[in-house]
């Protein structure tokens, strides 16, 4: 599947919480990650008590957007919907 913008097929939603955005990014064919520093102790939960994004092959990371999780120039799409801190 061709990716929008002709860039990398990697998409990240920073601070996703309970959001349909990562699901849509995955549906569009992006290898999608969620980065959220406020996850609770559960492996998949976050401040919104969202469940495992795993069934959509979305990886979740307990980290902030300032943490270096991805190689430089690796991201094709980076979103943060009302979460700029």
N, C-alpha and C. Protein backbone atom coordinates (compact mmCIF):
# COMPACT_ATOMS: atom_id res chain seq x y z
N UNK A 1 0.84 -1.18 0.00
CA UNK A 1 0.00 0.00 0.00
C UNK A 1 0.88 1.24 0.00
N UNK A 2 0.61 2.16 -0.85
CA UNK A 2 1.36 3.42 -0.90
C UNK A 2 1.00 4.27 0.31
N UNK A 3 1.98 4.91 0.87
CA UNK A 3 1.76 5.76 2.04
C UNK A 3 1.55 7.19 1.59
N UNK A 4 0.72 7.92 2.32
CA UNK A 4 0.48 9.32 2.00
C UNK A 4 1.76 10.11 2.12
N UNK A 5 1.96 11.05 1.27
CA UNK A 5 3.10 11.94 1.31
C UNK A 5 4.38 11.33 0.79
N UNK A 6 4.36 10.07 0.39
CA UNK A 6 5.53 9.44 -0.20
C UNK A 6 6.67 9.19 0.77
N UNK A 7 6.44 9.39 2.09
CA UNK A 7 7.50 9.22 3.06
C UNK A 7 7.51 7.85 3.68
N UNK A 8 8.04 7.80 4.87
CA UNK A 8 8.15 6.56 5.62
C UNK A 8 6.78 6.00 5.95
N UNK A 9 6.73 4.70 6.10
CA UNK A 9 5.49 4.03 6.48
C UNK A 9 5.30 3.95 7.99
N UNK A 10 6.09 4.72 8.76
CA UNK A 10 6.00 4.71 10.21
C UNK A 10 5.21 5.92 10.69
N UNK A 11 4.18 5.66 11.51
CA UNK A 11 3.37 6.74 12.07
C UNK A 11 3.35 6.62 13.58
N UNK A 12 3.40 7.76 14.27
CA UNK A 12 3.37 7.78 15.73
C UNK A 12 2.34 8.79 16.20
N UNK A 13 1.52 8.36 17.16
CA UNK A 13 0.60 9.27 17.84
C UNK A 13 1.16 9.50 19.23
N UNK A 14 1.63 10.72 19.49
CA UNK A 14 2.21 11.08 20.78
C UNK A 14 1.10 11.52 21.73
N UNK A 15 0.98 10.84 22.88
CA UNK A 15 -0.04 11.16 23.86
C UNK A 15 -1.42 10.73 23.43
N UNK A 16 -1.54 9.59 22.78
CA UNK A 16 -2.79 9.16 22.16
C UNK A 16 -3.92 8.97 23.16
N UNK A 17 -3.62 8.44 24.35
CA UNK A 17 -4.71 8.18 25.28
C UNK A 17 -5.75 7.29 24.63
N UNK A 18 -7.02 7.64 24.80
CA UNK A 18 -8.13 6.89 24.19
C UNK A 18 -8.50 7.61 22.91
N UNK A 19 -8.01 7.11 21.81
CA UNK A 19 -8.16 7.83 20.55
C UNK A 19 -8.34 6.88 19.38
N UNK A 20 -9.18 7.26 18.43
CA UNK A 20 -9.31 6.47 17.21
C UNK A 20 -8.21 6.78 16.19
N UNK A 21 -7.40 7.80 16.44
CA UNK A 21 -6.38 8.20 15.46
C UNK A 21 -5.39 7.07 15.16
N UNK A 22 -4.83 6.38 16.16
CA UNK A 22 -3.92 5.28 15.83
C UNK A 22 -4.60 4.18 15.01
N UNK A 23 -5.86 3.93 15.28
CA UNK A 23 -6.59 2.91 14.52
C UNK A 23 -6.71 3.30 13.06
N UNK A 24 -6.96 4.56 12.81
CA UNK A 24 -7.08 5.03 11.43
C UNK A 24 -5.73 5.01 10.73
N UNK A 25 -4.67 5.39 11.43
CA UNK A 25 -3.33 5.34 10.84
C UNK A 25 -2.99 3.90 10.44
N UNK A 26 -3.31 2.95 11.31
CA UNK A 26 -3.05 1.55 11.00
C UNK A 26 -3.90 1.10 9.81
N UNK A 27 -5.16 1.53 9.78
CA UNK A 27 -6.05 1.17 8.66
C UNK A 27 -5.51 1.70 7.34
N UNK A 28 -4.86 2.85 7.38
CA UNK A 28 -4.29 3.43 6.17
C UNK A 28 -3.01 2.72 5.73
N UNK A 29 -2.54 1.79 6.54
CA UNK A 29 -1.39 0.99 6.16
C UNK A 29 -0.08 1.39 6.81
N UNK A 30 -0.12 2.34 7.73
CA UNK A 30 1.09 2.74 8.43
C UNK A 30 1.45 1.74 9.53
N UNK A 31 2.73 1.51 9.76
CA UNK A 31 3.20 0.79 10.93
C UNK A 31 3.08 1.81 12.07
N UNK A 32 2.12 1.59 12.95
CA UNK A 32 1.71 2.62 13.90
C UNK A 32 2.21 2.33 15.31
N UNK A 33 2.65 3.40 15.99
CA UNK A 33 3.09 3.34 17.38
C UNK A 33 2.34 4.41 18.16
N UNK A 34 2.09 4.14 19.43
CA UNK A 34 1.53 5.11 20.36
C UNK A 34 2.60 5.36 21.42
N UNK A 35 2.89 6.62 21.68
CA UNK A 35 3.86 7.01 22.70
C UNK A 35 3.11 7.87 23.72
N UNK A 36 3.07 7.39 24.98
CA UNK A 36 2.30 8.08 26.00
C UNK A 36 3.02 7.94 27.34
N UNK A 37 3.43 9.04 27.96
CA UNK A 37 4.16 8.96 29.23
C UNK A 37 3.27 8.65 30.43
N UNK A 38 1.98 8.80 30.28
CA UNK A 38 1.07 8.69 31.43
C UNK A 38 0.36 7.36 31.53
N UNK A 39 0.94 6.31 30.97
CA UNK A 39 0.33 4.99 31.12
C UNK A 39 0.38 4.56 32.57
N UNK A 40 -0.61 3.80 32.96
CA UNK A 40 -0.61 3.24 34.30
C UNK A 40 0.25 1.99 34.31
N UNK A 41 0.25 1.25 35.39
CA UNK A 41 1.12 0.10 35.52
C UNK A 41 0.77 -1.06 34.61
N UNK A 42 -0.45 -1.11 34.12
CA UNK A 42 -0.84 -2.19 33.22
C UNK A 42 -0.07 -2.07 31.92
N UNK A 43 0.20 -3.20 31.29
CA UNK A 43 0.99 -3.20 30.06
C UNK A 43 0.35 -2.37 28.96
N UNK A 44 -0.97 -2.33 28.90
CA UNK A 44 -1.64 -1.68 27.78
C UNK A 44 -2.48 -0.47 28.17
N UNK A 45 -2.66 -0.20 29.43
CA UNK A 45 -3.56 0.89 29.81
C UNK A 45 -2.82 2.22 29.83
N UNK A 46 -3.59 3.27 29.85
CA UNK A 46 -3.04 4.61 29.95
C UNK A 46 -4.00 5.44 30.79
N UNK A 47 -3.83 6.72 30.81
CA UNK A 47 -4.67 7.54 31.69
C UNK A 47 -6.15 7.44 31.36
N UNK A 48 -6.50 6.99 30.17
CA UNK A 48 -7.89 6.86 29.77
C UNK A 48 -8.40 5.42 29.91
N UNK A 49 -7.58 4.52 30.42
CA UNK A 49 -7.94 3.11 30.56
C UNK A 49 -8.26 2.45 29.23
N UNK A 50 -7.58 2.88 28.18
CA UNK A 50 -7.73 2.25 26.87
C UNK A 50 -7.14 0.86 26.93
N UNK A 51 -7.68 -0.04 26.16
CA UNK A 51 -7.19 -1.42 26.16
C UNK A 51 -6.10 -1.61 25.11
N UNK A 52 -5.64 -2.80 25.00
CA UNK A 52 -4.56 -3.19 24.11
C UNK A 52 -4.83 -2.77 22.66
N UNK A 53 -3.93 -1.97 22.08
CA UNK A 53 -3.99 -1.64 20.66
C UNK A 53 -3.46 -2.79 19.81
N UNK A 54 -2.95 -3.84 20.46
CA UNK A 54 -2.32 -4.96 19.79
C UNK A 54 -3.12 -5.62 18.68
N UNK A 55 -4.43 -5.81 18.81
CA UNK A 55 -5.18 -6.45 17.72
C UNK A 55 -5.07 -5.71 16.38
N UNK A 56 -4.67 -4.44 16.43
CA UNK A 56 -4.48 -3.66 15.21
C UNK A 56 -2.99 -3.55 14.86
N UNK A 57 -2.16 -4.34 15.51
CA UNK A 57 -0.70 -4.32 15.30
C UNK A 57 -0.09 -2.96 15.59
N UNK A 58 -0.64 -2.29 16.58
CA UNK A 58 -0.13 -0.98 17.01
C UNK A 58 0.70 -1.21 18.27
N UNK A 59 1.92 -0.69 18.28
CA UNK A 59 2.80 -0.83 19.44
C UNK A 59 2.65 0.36 20.36
N UNK A 60 2.62 0.09 21.67
CA UNK A 60 2.48 1.13 22.67
C UNK A 60 3.78 1.26 23.46
N UNK A 61 4.22 2.51 23.67
CA UNK A 61 5.45 2.79 24.41
C UNK A 61 5.13 3.75 25.55
N UNK A 62 5.59 3.43 26.76
CA UNK A 62 5.47 4.36 27.88
C UNK A 62 6.68 5.28 27.82
N UNK A 63 6.50 6.42 27.22
CA UNK A 63 7.58 7.38 27.02
C UNK A 63 6.97 8.72 26.62
N UNK A 64 7.79 9.76 26.63
CA UNK A 64 7.36 11.07 26.16
C UNK A 64 7.88 11.32 24.76
N UNK A 65 7.35 12.34 24.13
CA UNK A 65 7.78 12.64 22.76
C UNK A 65 9.22 13.12 22.71
N UNK A 66 9.77 13.51 23.85
CA UNK A 66 11.18 13.93 23.89
C UNK A 66 12.13 12.73 23.98
N UNK A 67 11.60 11.57 24.32
CA UNK A 67 12.43 10.36 24.38
C UNK A 67 12.76 9.88 22.97
N UNK A 68 13.97 9.46 22.80
CA UNK A 68 14.45 9.06 21.46
C UNK A 68 14.14 7.58 21.22
N UNK A 69 12.96 7.30 20.69
CA UNK A 69 12.53 5.93 20.43
C UNK A 69 12.74 5.52 18.98
N UNK A 70 12.85 6.49 18.10
CA UNK A 70 12.91 6.21 16.67
C UNK A 70 14.15 6.87 16.06
N UNK A 71 14.68 6.25 15.05
CA UNK A 71 15.84 6.81 14.36
C UNK A 71 15.48 8.14 13.71
N UNK A 72 16.48 8.99 13.58
CA UNK A 72 16.30 10.28 12.92
C UNK A 72 15.76 10.07 11.52
N UNK A 73 14.79 10.86 11.15
CA UNK A 73 14.13 10.82 9.84
C UNK A 73 13.34 9.53 9.60
N UNK A 74 13.01 8.80 10.67
CA UNK A 74 12.28 7.54 10.50
C UNK A 74 10.77 7.74 10.36
N UNK A 75 10.25 8.83 10.92
CA UNK A 75 8.80 9.02 10.95
C UNK A 75 8.26 9.56 9.63
N UNK A 76 7.21 8.92 9.15
CA UNK A 76 6.49 9.44 8.01
C UNK A 76 5.38 10.37 8.46
N UNK A 77 4.77 10.03 9.60
CA UNK A 77 3.67 10.80 10.17
C UNK A 77 3.87 10.87 11.68
N UNK A 78 3.74 12.07 12.25
CA UNK A 78 3.76 12.26 13.69
C UNK A 78 2.57 13.14 14.05
N UNK A 79 1.71 12.66 14.92
CA UNK A 79 0.55 13.44 15.33
C UNK A 79 0.52 13.56 16.85
N UNK A 80 -0.08 14.64 17.32
CA UNK A 80 -0.32 14.86 18.73
C UNK A 80 -1.57 15.72 18.80
N UNK A 81 -2.69 15.09 19.05
CA UNK A 81 -3.98 15.78 19.02
C UNK A 81 -4.29 16.35 20.40
N UNK A 82 -4.23 17.64 20.53
CA UNK A 82 -4.51 18.40 21.76
C UNK A 82 -3.70 17.92 22.95
N UNK A 83 -2.42 17.57 22.73
CA UNK A 83 -1.59 17.05 23.80
C UNK A 83 -0.23 17.73 23.86
N UNK A 84 -0.01 18.80 23.15
CA UNK A 84 1.30 19.46 23.20
C UNK A 84 1.52 19.97 24.63
N UNK A 85 2.59 19.50 25.25
CA UNK A 85 2.85 19.85 26.64
C UNK A 85 4.17 20.58 26.78
